[in-house]
Amino acid sequence: MNILSNWRKNGRVTLYLGDCMDLLRTLSADSVDLVVTSPPYCIGKSYENERQSSDFLKNLEGVFPEIVRVVRPGGSICWQVGYHVTNSSVLPLDYLVFQQAAKFSNLQLRTRII
């Protein structure tokens, strides 16, 4: 299978390395069958600038509507997340993702993998 680094309408698979918002803005509405994402968790990893769960939520609120816009009816969004720990208190980040998804009447939660 040919895996492309730049999206092309006739390509079967594209693996994009970069800021997802840059890519999402170039895609037409209802043009994607599947989005698989594992966003930064804002938990202090060396590659992260943000450190708070509020940073995760702010990023989520920006990217989620764009993902919903590009996924075709019947398509799927697979969102792999972990949890954020503050002062020994755990916040499951999928809870924040679910709250964001609930804002879109055309989305249906099908399953949760733990």
PDB file of N, CA and C in Angstrom:
ATOM      1  N   MET A   1       0.848  -1.178   0.000  1.00  0.00           N
ATOM      2  CA  MET A   1       0.000   0.000   0.000  1.00  0.00           C
ATOM      3  C   MET A   1       0.891   1.239   0.000  1.00  0.00           C
ATOM      4  N   ASN A   2       0.542   2.206  -0.803  1.00  0.00           N
ATOM      5  CA  ASN A   2       1.274   3.458  -0.874  1.00  0.00           C
ATOM      6  C   ASN A   2       0.727   4.419   0.178  1.00  0.00           C
ATOM      7  N   ILE A   3       1.569   4.802   1.134  1.00  0.00           N
ATOM      8  CA  ILE A   3       1.158   5.754   2.170  1.00  0.00           C
ATOM      9  C   ILE A   3       1.742   7.114   1.811  1.00  0.00           C
ATOM     10  N   LEU A   4       0.867   8.078   1.633  1.00  0.00           N
ATOM     11  CA  LEU A   4       1.273   9.421   1.211  1.00  0.00           C
ATOM     12  C   LEU A   4       1.587  10.298   2.406  1.00  0.00           C
ATOM     13  N   SER A   5       2.495  11.251   2.221  1.00  0.00           N
ATOM     14  CA  SER A   5       2.790  12.213   3.281  1.00  0.00           C
ATOM     15  C   SER A   5       1.989  13.499   3.105  1.00  0.00           C
ATOM     16  N   ASN A   6       1.428  13.703   1.925  1.00  0.00           N
ATOM     17  CA  ASN A   6       0.563  14.852   1.656  1.00  0.00           C
ATOM     18  C   ASN A   6      -0.777  14.322   1.173  1.00  0.00           C
ATOM     19  N   TRP A   7      -1.857  14.906   1.703  1.00  0.00           N
ATOM     20  CA  TRP A   7      -3.185  14.439   1.345  1.00  0.00           C
ATOM     21  C   TRP A   7      -3.466  14.689  -0.121  1.00  0.00           C
ATOM     22  N   ARG A   8      -4.022  13.656  -0.769  1.00  0.00           N
ATOM     23  CA  ARG A   8      -4.512  13.753  -2.148  1.00  0.00           C
ATOM     24  C   ARG A   8      -5.855  13.073  -2.211  1.00  0.00           C
ATOM     25  N   LYS A   9      -6.753  13.641  -2.943  1.00  0.00           N
ATOM     26  CA  LYS A   9      -8.114  13.117  -3.013  1.00  0.00           C
ATOM     27  C   LYS A   9      -8.137  11.655  -3.440  1.00  0.00           C
ATOM     28  N   ASN A  10      -7.253  11.256  -4.334  1.00  0.00           N
ATOM     29  CA  ASN A  10      -7.259   9.886  -4.838  1.00  0.00           C
ATOM     30  C   ASN A  10      -6.381   8.940  -4.006  1.00  0.00           C
ATOM     31  N   GLY A  11      -5.775   9.420  -2.951  1.00  0.00           N
ATOM     32  CA  GLY A  11      -4.932   8.575  -2.107  1.00  0.00           C
ATOM     33  C   GLY A  11      -5.765   7.726  -1.163  1.00  0.00           C
ATOM     34  N   ARG A  12      -5.323   6.507  -0.897  1.00  0.00           N
ATOM     35  CA  ARG A  12      -6.054   5.628   0.032  1.00  0.00           C
ATOM     36  C   ARG A  12      -5.703   5.935   1.475  1.00  0.00           C
ATOM     37  N   VAL A  13      -4.421   6.198   1.753  1.00  0.00           N
ATOM     38  CA  VAL A  13      -3.961   6.441   3.112  1.00  0.00           C
ATOM     39  C   VAL A  13      -2.989   7.605   3.110  1.00  0.00           C
ATOM     40  N   THR A  14      -3.168   8.518   4.062  1.00  0.00           N
ATOM     41  CA  THR A  14      -2.238   9.621   4.249  1.00  0.00           C
ATOM     42  C   THR A  14      -1.801   9.626   5.705  1.00  0.00           C
ATOM     43  N   LEU A  15      -0.521   9.654   5.937  1.00  0.00           N
ATOM     44  CA  LEU A  15       0.026   9.791   7.274  1.00  0.00           C
ATOM     45  C   LEU A  15       0.656  11.174   7.334  1.00  0.00           C
ATOM     46  N   TYR A  16       0.039  12.059   8.095  1.00  0.00           N
ATOM     47  CA  TYR A  16       0.439  13.458   8.134  1.00  0.00           C
ATOM     48  C   TYR A  16       1.203  13.738   9.419  1.00  0.00           C
ATOM     49  N   LEU A  17       2.408  14.260   9.290  1.00  0.00           N
ATOM     50  CA  LEU A  17       3.215  14.639  10.440  1.00  0.00           C
ATOM     51  C   LEU A  17       3.222  16.160  10.515  1.00  0.00           C
ATOM     52  N   GLY A  18       2.540  16.712  11.528  1.00  0.00           N
ATOM     53  CA  GLY A  18       2.460  18.153  11.667  1.00  0.00           C
ATOM     54  C   GLY A  18       1.270  18.533  12.528  1.00  0.00           C
ATOM     55  N   ASP A  19       0.987  19.807  12.592  1.00  0.00           N
ATOM     56  CA  ASP A  19      -0.143  20.316  13.366  1.00  0.00           C
ATOM     57  C   ASP A  19      -1.432  19.913  12.655  1.00  0.00           C
ATOM     58  N   CYS A  20      -2.283  19.181  13.343  1.00  0.00           N
ATOM     59  CA  CYS A  20      -3.506  18.678  12.720  1.00  0.00           C
ATOM     60  C   CYS A  20      -4.417  19.800  12.243  1.00  0.00           C
ATOM     61  N   MET A  21      -4.395  20.949  12.913  1.00  0.00           N
ATOM     62  CA  MET A  21      -5.255  22.054  12.480  1.00  0.00           C
ATOM     63  C   MET A  21      -4.858  22.546  11.091  1.00  0.00           C
ATOM     64  N   ASP A  22      -3.570  22.533  10.797  1.00  0.00           N
ATOM     65  CA  ASP A  22      -3.120  22.936   9.464  1.00  0.00           C
ATOM     66  C   ASP A  22      -3.701  22.006   8.401  1.00  0.00           C
ATOM     67  N   LEU A  23      -3.717  20.717   8.690  1.00  0.00           N
ATOM     68  CA  LEU A  23      -4.270  19.755   7.741  1.00  0.00           C
ATOM     69  C   LEU A  23      -5.794  19.852   7.678  1.00  0.00           C
ATOM     70  N   LEU A  24      -6.445  19.881   8.820  1.00  0.00           N
ATOM     71  CA  LEU A  24      -7.910  19.902   8.851  1.00  0.00           C
ATOM     72  C   LEU A  24      -8.480  21.067   8.055  1.00  0.00           C
ATOM     73  N   ARG A  25      -7.855  22.208   8.135  1.00  0.00           N
ATOM     74  CA  ARG A  25      -8.362  23.403   7.425  1.00  0.00           C
ATOM     75  C   ARG A  25      -8.319  23.246   5.915  1.00  0.00           C
ATOM     76  N   THR A  26      -7.500  22.316   5.413  1.00  0.00           N
ATOM     77  CA  THR A  26      -7.408  22.118   3.965  1.00  0.00           C
ATOM     78  C   THR A  26      -8.399  21.086   3.451  1.00  0.00           C
ATOM     79  N   LEU A  27      -9.054  20.358   4.348  1.00  0.00           N
ATOM     80  CA  LEU A  27      -9.950  19.276   3.940  1.00  0.00           C
ATOM     81  C   LEU A  27     -11.379  19.768   3.757  1.00  0.00           C
ATOM     82  N   SER A  28     -12.050  19.181   2.802  1.00  0.00           N
ATOM     83  CA  SER A  28     -13.455  19.499   2.554  1.00  0.00           C
ATOM     84  C   SER A  28     -14.332  18.866   3.622  1.00  0.00           C
ATOM     85  N   ALA A  29     -15.488  19.455   3.832  1.00  0.00           N
ATOM     86  CA  ALA A  29     -16.463  18.881   4.762  1.00  0.00           C
ATOM     87  C   ALA A  29     -16.874  17.501   4.271  1.00  0.00           C
ATOM     88  N   ASP A  30     -17.130  16.593   5.206  1.00  0.00           N
ATOM     89  CA  ASP A  30     -17.622  15.247   4.893  1.00  0.00           C
ATOM     90  C   ASP A  30     -16.697  14.480   3.949  1.00  0.00           C
ATOM     91  N   SER A  31     -15.387  14.661   4.099  1.00  0.00           N
ATOM     92  CA  SER A  31     -14.443  14.043   3.165  1.00  0.00           C
ATOM     93  C   SER A  31     -13.597  12.929   3.786  1.00  0.00           C
ATOM     94  N   VAL A  32     -13.764  12.652   5.074  1.00  0.00           N
ATOM     95  CA  VAL A  32     -12.898  11.706   5.771  1.00  0.00           C
ATOM     96  C   VAL A  32     -13.727  10.567   6.347  1.00  0.00           C
ATOM     97  N   ASP A  33     -13.266   9.341   6.144  1.00  0.00           N
ATOM     98  CA  ASP A  33     -13.954   8.173   6.698  1.00  0.00           C
ATOM     99  C   ASP A  33     -13.584   7.919   8.151  1.00  0.00           C
ATOM    100  N   LEU A  34     -12.322   8.162   8.495  1.00  0.00           N
ATOM    101  CA  LEU A  34     -11.852   7.800   9.820  1.00  0.00           C
ATOM    102  C   LEU A  34     -10.789   8.789  10.292  1.00  0.00           C
ATOM    103  N   VAL A  35     -10.949   9.268  11.513  1.00  0.00           N
ATOM    104  CA  VAL A  35      -9.926  10.064  12.186  1.00  0.00           C
ATOM    105  C   VAL A  35      -9.470   9.267  13.398  1.00  0.00           C
ATOM    106  N   VAL A  36      -8.161   9.052  13.494  1.00  0.00           N
ATOM    107  CA  VAL A  36      -7.560   8.413  14.661  1.00  0.00           C
ATOM    108  C   VAL A  36      -6.592   9.424  15.244  1.00  0.00           C
ATOM    109  N   THR A  37      -6.773   9.749  16.518  1.00  0.00           N
ATOM    110  CA  THR A  37      -5.931  10.771  17.112  1.00  0.00           C
ATOM    111  C   THR A  37      -5.571  10.423  18.548  1.00  0.00           C
ATOM    112  N   SER A  38      -4.420  10.875  18.961  1.00  0.00           N
ATOM    113  CA  SER A  38      -3.952  10.728  20.333  1.00  0.00           C
ATOM    114  C   SER A  38      -3.304  12.056  20.704  1.00  0.00           C
ATOM    115  N   PRO A  39      -4.125  13.006  21.142  1.00  0.00           N
ATOM    116  CA  PRO A  39      -3.615  14.355  21.384  1.00  0.00           C
ATOM    117  C   PRO A  39      -2.735  14.431  22.633  1.00  0.00           C
ATOM    118  N   PRO A  40      -1.940  15.479  22.753  1.00  0.00           N
ATOM    119  CA  PRO A  40      -1.173  15.674  23.992  1.00  0.00           C
ATOM    120  C   PRO A  40      -2.114  15.772  25.189  1.00  0.00           C
ATOM    121  N   TYR A  41      -1.657  15.277  26.315  1.00  0.00           N
ATOM    122  CA  TYR A  41      -2.502  15.208  27.504  1.00  0.00           C
ATOM    123  C   TYR A  41      -2.263  16.337  28.487  1.00  0.00           C
ATOM    124  N   CYS A  42      -1.321  17.221  28.193  1.00  0.00           N
ATOM    125  CA  CYS A  42      -1.044  18.322  29.111  1.00  0.00           C
ATOM    126  C   CYS A  42      -0.647  17.796  30.489  1.00  0.00           C
ATOM    127  N   ILE A  43       0.230  16.805  30.499  1.00  0.00           N
ATOM    128  CA  ILE A  43       0.641  16.204  31.770  1.00  0.00           C
ATOM    129  C   ILE A  43       2.127  16.360  32.036  1.00  0.00           C
ATOM    130  N   GLY A  44       2.767  17.268  31.308  1.00  0.00           N
ATOM    131  CA  GLY A  44       4.161  17.553  31.605  1.00  0.00           C
ATOM    132  C   GLY A  44       5.174  16.747  30.821  1.00  0.00           C
ATOM    133  N   LYS A  45       4.757  16.111  29.732  1.00  0.00           N
ATOM    134  CA  LYS A  45       5.715  15.391  28.902  1.00  0.00           C
ATOM    135  C   LYS A  45       6.684  16.388  28.270  1.00  0.00           C
ATOM    136  N   SER A  46       7.863  15.920  27.920  1.00  0.00           N
ATOM    137  CA  SER A  46       8.900  16.805  27.395  1.00  0.00           C
ATOM    138  C   SER A  46       8.477  17.513  26.106  1.00  0.00           C
ATOM    139  N   TYR A  47       7.571  16.920  25.340  1.00  0.00           N
ATOM    140  CA  TYR A  47       7.135  17.508  24.076  1.00  0.00           C
ATOM    141  C   TYR A  47       5.940  18.444  24.235  1.00  0.00           C
ATOM    142  N   GLU A  48       5.453  18.634  25.444  1.00  0.00           N
ATOM    143  CA  GLU A  48       4.279  19.469  25.677  1.00  0.00           C
ATOM    144  C   GLU A  48       4.658  20.824  26.265  1.00  0.00           C
ATOM    145  N   ASN A  49       3.945  21.846  25.828  1.00  0.00           N
ATOM    146  CA  ASN A  49       4.107  23.174  26.411  1.00  0.00           C
ATOM    147  C   ASN A  49       3.056  23.437  27.479  1.00  0.00           C
ATOM    148  N   GLU A  50       1.858  22.916  27.271  1.00  0.00           N
ATOM    149  CA  GLU A  50       0.770  23.118  28.205  1.00  0.00           C
ATOM    150  C   GLU A  50       0.847  22.081  29.321  1.00  0.00           C
ATOM    151  N   ARG A  51       0.360  22.454  30.510  1.00  0.00           N
ATOM    152  CA  ARG A  51       0.486  21.570  31.661  1.00  0.00           C
ATOM    153  C   ARG A  51      -0.816  21.325  32.413  1.00  0.00           C
ATOM    154  N   GLN A  52      -1.871  22.057  32.121  1.00  0.00           N
ATOM    155  CA  GLN A  52      -3.108  21.989  32.897  1.00  0.00           C
ATOM    156  C   GLN A  52      -4.216  21.304  32.094  1.00  0.00           C
ATOM    157  N   SER A  53      -5.180  20.708  32.789  1.00  0.00           N
ATOM    158  CA  SER A  53      -6.317  20.111  32.101  1.00  0.00           C
ATOM    159  C   SER A  53      -7.116  21.181  31.346  1.00  0.00           C
ATOM    160  N   SER A  54      -7.082  22.410  31.841  1.00  0.00           N
ATOM    161  CA  SER A  54      -7.764  23.497  31.133  1.00  0.00           C
ATOM    162  C   SER A  54      -7.113  23.748  29.771  1.00  0.00           C
ATOM    163  N   ASP A  55      -5.804  23.514  29.658  1.00  0.00           N
ATOM    164  CA  ASP A  55      -5.121  23.632  28.367  1.00  0.00           C
ATOM    165  C   ASP A  55      -5.611  22.550  27.411  1.00  0.00           C
ATOM    166  N   PHE A  56      -5.766  21.322  27.936  1.00  0.00           N
ATOM    167  CA  PHE A  56      -6.300  20.227  27.127  1.00  0.00           C
ATOM    168  C   PHE A  56      -7.687  20.593  26.602  1.00  0.00           C
ATOM    169  N   LEU A  57      -8.540  21.116  27.480  1.00  0.00           N
ATOM    170  CA  LEU A  57      -9.902  21.472  27.092  1.00  0.00           C
ATOM    171  C   LEU A  57      -9.901  22.583  26.047  1.00  0.00           C
ATOM    172  N   LYS A  58      -9.055  23.575  26.204  1.00  0.00           N
ATOM    173  CA  LYS A  58      -8.974  24.670  25.232  1.00  0.00           C
ATOM    174  C   LYS A  58      -8.571  24.133  23.860  1.00  0.00           C
ATOM    175  N   ASN A  59      -7.575  23.259  23.816  1.00  0.00           N
ATOM    176  CA  ASN A  59      -7.149  22.665  22.547  1.00  0.00           C
ATOM    177  C   ASN A  59      -8.256  21.807  21.946  1.00  0.00           C
ATOM    178  N   LEU A  60      -8.926  21.040  22.783  1.00  0.00           N
ATOM    179  CA  LEU A  60     -10.020  20.180  22.349  1.00  0.00           C
ATOM    180  C   LEU A  60     -11.148  20.996  21.728  1.00  0.00           C
ATOM    181  N   GLU A  61     -11.517  22.084  22.370  1.00  0.00           N
ATOM    182  CA  GLU A  61     -12.598  22.933  21.857  1.00  0.00           C
ATOM    183  C   GLU A  61     -12.248  23.548  20.511  1.00  0.00           C
ATOM    184  N   GLY A  62     -10.960  23.708  20.228  1.00  0.00           N
ATOM    185  CA  GLY A  62     -10.546  24.236  18.932  1.00  0.00           C
ATOM    186  C   GLY A  62     -10.549  23.195  17.832  1.00  0.00           C
ATOM    187  N   VAL A  63     -10.059  22.009  18.132  1.00  0.00           N
ATOM    188  CA  VAL A  63      -9.878  20.990  17.100  1.00  0.00           C
ATOM    189  C   VAL A  63     -11.122  20.131  16.869  1.00  0.00           C
ATOM    190  N   PHE A  64     -11.910  19.894  17.894  1.00  0.00           N
ATOM    191  CA  PHE A  64     -13.025  18.966  17.755  1.00  0.00           C
ATOM    192  C   PHE A  64     -14.039  19.394  16.686  1.00  0.00           C
ATOM    193  N   PRO A  65     -14.457  20.644  16.646  1.00  0.00           N
ATOM    194  CA  PRO A  65     -15.405  21.040  15.587  1.00  0.00           C
ATOM    195  C   PRO A  65     -14.850  20.819  14.178  1.00  0.00           C
ATOM    196  N   GLU A  66     -13.559  20.995  13.990  1.00  0.00           N
ATOM    197  CA  GLU A  66     -12.951  20.762  12.671  1.00  0.00           C
ATOM    198  C   GLU A  66     -12.966  19.281  12.326  1.00  0.00           C
ATOM    199  N   ILE A  67     -12.706  18.436  13.305  1.00  0.00           N
ATOM    200  CA  ILE A  67     -12.757  16.994  13.054  1.00  0.00           C
ATOM    201  C   ILE A  67     -14.175  16.585  12.685  1.00  0.00           C
ATOM    202  N   VAL A  68     -15.147  17.053  13.437  1.00  0.00           N
ATOM    203  CA  VAL A  68     -16.549  16.739  13.142  1.00  0.00           C
ATOM    204  C   VAL A  68     -16.919  17.229  11.742  1.00  0.00           C
ATOM    205  N   ARG A  69     -16.428  18.382  11.357  1.00  0.00           N
ATOM    206  CA  ARG A  69     -16.746  18.956  10.043  1.00  0.00           C
ATOM    207  C   ARG A  69     -16.260  18.064   8.903  1.00  0.00           C
ATOM    208  N   VAL A  70     -15.072  17.480   9.045  1.00  0.00           N
ATOM    209  CA  VAL A  70     -14.497  16.729   7.928  1.00  0.00           C
ATOM    210  C   VAL A  70     -14.923  15.265   7.882  1.00  0.00           C
ATOM    211  N   VAL A  71     -15.408  14.704   8.994  1.00  0.00           N
ATOM    212  CA  VAL A  71     -15.809  13.294   8.997  1.00  0.00           C
ATOM    213  C   VAL A  71     -17.169  13.155   8.325  1.00  0.00           C
ATOM    214  N   ARG A  72     -17.228  12.247   7.369  1.00  0.00           N
ATOM    215  CA  ARG A  72     -18.466  12.041   6.602  1.00  0.00           C
ATOM    216  C   ARG A  72     -19.527  11.374   7.467  1.00  0.00           C
ATOM    217  N   PRO A  73     -20.796  11.520   7.121  1.00  0.00           N
ATOM    218  CA  PRO A  73     -21.847  10.774   7.829  1.00  0.00           C
ATOM    219  C   PRO A  73     -21.543   9.277   7.764  1.00  0.00           C
ATOM    220  N   GLY A  74     -21.607   8.621   8.892  1.00  0.00           N
ATOM    221  CA  GLY A  74     -21.272   7.198   8.962  1.00  0.00           C
ATOM    222  C   GLY A  74     -19.803   6.939   9.225  1.00  0.00           C
ATOM    223  N   GLY A  75     -18.988   8.000   9.213  1.00  0.00           N
ATOM    224  CA  GLY A  75     -17.565   7.856   9.500  1.00  0.00           C
ATOM    225  C   GLY A  75     -17.323   7.719  10.995  1.00  0.00           C
ATOM    226  N   SER A  76     -16.061   7.593  11.367  1.00  0.00           N
ATOM    227  CA  SER A  76     -15.715   7.365  12.767  1.00  0.00           C
ATOM    228  C   SER A  76     -14.589   8.268  13.237  1.00  0.00           C
ATOM    229  N   ILE A  77     -14.656   8.603  14.513  1.00  0.00           N
ATOM    230  CA  ILE A  77     -13.598   9.335  15.196  1.00  0.00           C
ATOM    231  C   ILE A  77     -13.123   8.439  16.334  1.00  0.00           C
ATOM    232  N   CYS A  78     -11.866   8.079  16.319  1.00  0.00           N
ATOM    233  CA  CYS A  78     -11.271   7.277  17.393  1.00  0.00           C
ATOM    234  C   CYS A  78     -10.311   8.180  18.147  1.00  0.00           C
ATOM    235  N   TRP A  79     -10.630   8.422  19.399  1.00  0.00           N
ATOM    236  CA  TRP A  79      -9.914   9.398  20.214  1.00  0.00           C
ATOM    237  C   TRP A  79      -9.249   8.672  21.374  1.00  0.00           C
ATOM    238  N   GLN A  80      -7.940   8.518  21.324  1.00  0.00           N
ATOM    239  CA  GLN A  80      -7.216   7.826  22.378  1.00  0.00           C
ATOM    240  C   GLN A  80      -6.669   8.857  23.350  1.00  0.00           C
ATOM    241  N   VAL A  81      -7.099   8.775  24.599  1.00  0.00           N
ATOM    242  CA  VAL A  81      -6.636   9.714  25.611  1.00  0.00           C
ATOM    243  C   VAL A  81      -6.316   8.972  26.902  1.00  0.00           C
ATOM    244  N   GLY A  82      -5.660   9.662  27.778  1.00  0.00           N
ATOM    245  CA  GLY A  82      -5.316   9.114  29.088  1.00  0.00           C
ATOM    246  C   GLY A  82      -5.992   9.914  30.177  1.00  0.00           C
ATOM    247  N   TYR A  83      -5.216  10.311  31.128  1.00  0.00           N
ATOM    248  CA  TYR A  83      -5.766  11.074  32.234  1.00  0.00           C
ATOM    249  C   TYR A  83      -4.773  12.134  32.682  1.00  0.00           C
ATOM    250  N   HIS A  84      -5.287  13.110  33.382  1.00  0.00           N
ATOM    251  CA  HIS A  84      -4.477  14.206  33.905  1.00  0.00           C
ATOM    252  C   HIS A  84      -4.483  14.105  35.422  1.00  0.00           C
ATOM    253  N   VAL A  85      -3.315  14.243  36.030  1.00  0.00           N
ATOM    254  CA  VAL A  85      -3.209  14.151  37.483  1.00  0.00           C
ATOM    255  C   VAL A  85      -2.771  15.497  38.040  1.00  0.00           C
ATOM    256  N   THR A  86      -3.531  16.009  39.001  1.00  0.00           N
ATOM    257  CA  THR A  86      -3.197  17.239  39.717  1.00  0.00           C
ATOM    258  C   THR A  86      -3.337  16.965  41.207  1.00  0.00           C
ATOM    259  N   ASN A  87      -2.263  17.176  41.932  1.00  0.00           N
ATOM    260  CA  ASN A  87      -2.297  16.964  43.388  1.00  0.00           C
ATOM    261  C   ASN A  87      -2.895  15.605  43.758  1.00  0.00           C
ATOM    262  N   SER A  88      -2.447  14.568  43.087  1.00  0.00           N
ATOM    263  CA  SER A  88      -2.887  13.180  43.320  1.00  0.00           C
ATOM    264  C   SER A  88      -4.345  12.934  42.962  1.00  0.00           C
ATOM    265  N   SER A  89      -5.019  13.865  42.298  1.00  0.00           N
ATOM    266  CA  SER A  89      -6.392  13.692  41.845  1.00  0.00           C
ATOM    267  C   SER A  89      -6.389  13.414  40.340  1.00  0.00           C
ATOM    268  N   VAL A  90      -7.093  12.369  39.927  1.00  0.00           N
ATOM    269  CA  VAL A  90      -7.092  11.929  38.536  1.00  0.00           C
ATOM    270  C   VAL A  90      -8.335  12.454  37.810  1.00  0.00           C
ATOM    271  N   LEU A  91      -8.122  13.049  36.634  1.00  0.00           N
ATOM    272  CA  LEU A  91      -9.213  13.477  35.760  1.00  0.00           C
ATOM    273  C   LEU A  91      -9.125  12.663  34.472  1.00  0.00           C
ATOM    274  N   PRO A  92     -10.084  11.747  34.216  1.00  0.00           N
ATOM    275  CA  PRO A  92     -10.079  11.015  32.945  1.00  0.00           C
ATOM    276  C   PRO A  92     -10.401  11.981  31.809  1.00  0.00           C
ATOM    277  N   LEU A  93      -9.455  12.146  30.891  1.00  0.00           N
ATOM    278  CA  LEU A  93      -9.639  13.121  29.818  1.00  0.00           C
ATOM    279  C   LEU A  93     -10.726  12.713  28.837  1.00  0.00           C
ATOM    280  N   ASP A  94     -11.059  11.422  28.782  1.00  0.00           N
ATOM    281  CA  ASP A  94     -12.157  11.034  27.900  1.00  0.00           C
ATOM    282  C   ASP A  94     -13.483  11.640  28.357  1.00  0.00           C
ATOM    283  N   TYR A  95     -13.573  11.979  29.617  1.00  0.00           N
ATOM    284  CA  TYR A  95     -14.760  12.666  30.128  1.00  0.00           C
ATOM    285  C   TYR A  95     -14.905  14.032  29.440  1.00  0.00           C
ATOM    286  N   LEU A  96     -13.802  14.750  29.293  1.00  0.00           N
ATOM    287  CA  LEU A  96     -13.842  16.050  28.610  1.00  0.00           C
ATOM    288  C   LEU A  96     -14.162  15.881  27.127  1.00  0.00           C
ATOM    289  N   VAL A  97     -13.621  14.820  26.521  1.00  0.00           N
ATOM    290  CA  VAL A  97     -13.918  14.554  25.112  1.00  0.00           C
ATOM    291  C   VAL A  97     -15.407  14.256  24.943  1.00  0.00           C
ATOM    292  N   PHE A  98     -15.977  13.452  25.835  1.00  0.00           N
ATOM    293  CA  PHE A  98     -17.402  13.133  25.757  1.00  0.00           C
ATOM    294  C   PHE A  98     -18.251  14.394  25.890  1.00  0.00           C
ATOM    295  N   GLN A  99     -17.889  15.286  26.824  1.00  0.00           N
ATOM    296  CA  GLN A  99     -18.639  16.538  26.988  1.00  0.00           C
ATOM    297  C   GLN A  99     -18.606  17.360  25.705  1.00  0.00           C
ATOM    298  N   GLN A 100     -17.456  17.390  25.038  1.00  0.00           N
ATOM    299  CA  GLN A 100     -17.341  18.141  23.786  1.00  0.00           C
ATOM    300  C   GLN A 100     -18.178  17.467  22.695  1.00  0.00           C
ATOM    301  N   ALA A 101     -18.099  16.145  22.602  1.00  0.00           N
ATOM    302  CA  ALA A 101     -18.843  15.410  21.572  1.00  0.00           C
ATOM    303  C   ALA A 101     -20.349  15.577  21.749  1.00  0.00           C
ATOM    304  N   ALA A 102     -20.803  15.697  22.984  1.00  0.00           N
ATOM    305  CA  ALA A 102     -22.238  15.834  23.265  1.00  0.00           C
ATOM    306  C   ALA A 102     -22.817  17.121  22.692  1.00  0.00           C
ATOM    307  N   LYS A 103     -21.977  18.065  22.334  1.00  0.00           N
ATOM    308  CA  LYS A 103     -22.438  19.329  21.746  1.00  0.00           C
ATOM    309  C   LYS A 103     -22.872  19.155  20.289  1.00  0.00           C
ATOM    310  N   PHE A 104     -22.564  18.006  19.695  1.00  0.00           N
ATOM    311  CA  PHE A 104     -22.848  17.770  18.283  1.00  0.00           C
ATOM    312  C   PHE A 104     -23.922  16.693  18.170  1.00  0.00           C
ATOM    313  N   SER A 105     -25.103  17.092  17.744  1.00  0.00           N
ATOM    314  CA  SER A 105     -26.238  16.164  17.694  1.00  0.00           C
ATOM    315  C   SER A 105     -26.033  15.052  16.669  1.00  0.00           C
ATOM    316  N   ASN A 106     -25.141  15.252  15.715  1.00  0.00           N
ATOM    317  CA  ASN A 106     -24.919  14.244  14.681  1.00  0.00           C
ATOM    318  C   ASN A 106     -23.902  13.186  15.100  1.00  0.00           C
ATOM    319  N   LEU A 107     -23.346  13.269  16.315  1.00  0.00           N
ATOM    320  CA  LEU A 107     -22.382  12.271  16.786  1.00  0.00           C
ATOM    321  C   LEU A 107     -23.060  11.288  17.714  1.00  0.00           C
ATOM    322  N   GLN A 108     -22.602  10.054  17.635  1.00  0.00           N
ATOM    323  CA  GLN A 108     -23.127   9.010  18.496  1.00  0.00           C
ATOM    324  C   GLN A 108     -21.955   8.242  19.089  1.00  0.00           C
ATOM    325  N   LEU A 109     -21.895   8.176  20.421  1.00  0.00           N
ATOM    326  CA  LEU A 109     -20.872   7.393  21.079  1.00  0.00           C
ATOM    327  C   LEU A 109     -21.202   5.922  20.901  1.00  0.00           C
ATOM    328  N   ARG A 110     -20.286   5.188  20.282  1.00  0.00           N
ATOM    329  CA  ARG A 110     -20.551   3.775  20.000  1.00  0.00           C
ATOM    330  C   ARG A 110     -19.880   2.841  20.983  1.00  0.00           C
ATOM    331  N   THR A 111     -18.689   3.205  21.429  1.00  0.00           N
ATOM    332  CA  THR A 111     -17.992   2.316  22.345  1.00  0.00           C
ATOM    333  C   THR A 111     -16.896   3.085  23.063  1.00  0.00           C
ATOM    334  N   ARG A 112     -16.447   2.494  24.124  1.00  0.00           N
ATOM    335  CA  ARG A 112     -15.359   3.060  24.909  1.00  0.00           C
ATOM    336  C   ARG A 112     -14.395   1.924  25.212  1.00  0.00           C
ATOM    337  N   ILE A 113     -13.133   2.131  24.908  1.00  0.00           N
ATOM    338  CA  ILE A 113     -12.113   1.115  25.155  1.00  0.00           C
ATOM    339  C   ILE A 113     -11.230   1.597  26.282  1.00  0.00           C
ATOM    340  N   ILE A 114     -11.064   0.762  27.278  1.00  0.00           N
ATOM    341  CA  ILE A 114     -10.234   1.130  28.437  1.00  0.00           C
ATOM    342  C   ILE A 114      -9.057   0.179  28.495  1.00  0.00           C
TER     343      ILE A 114
END
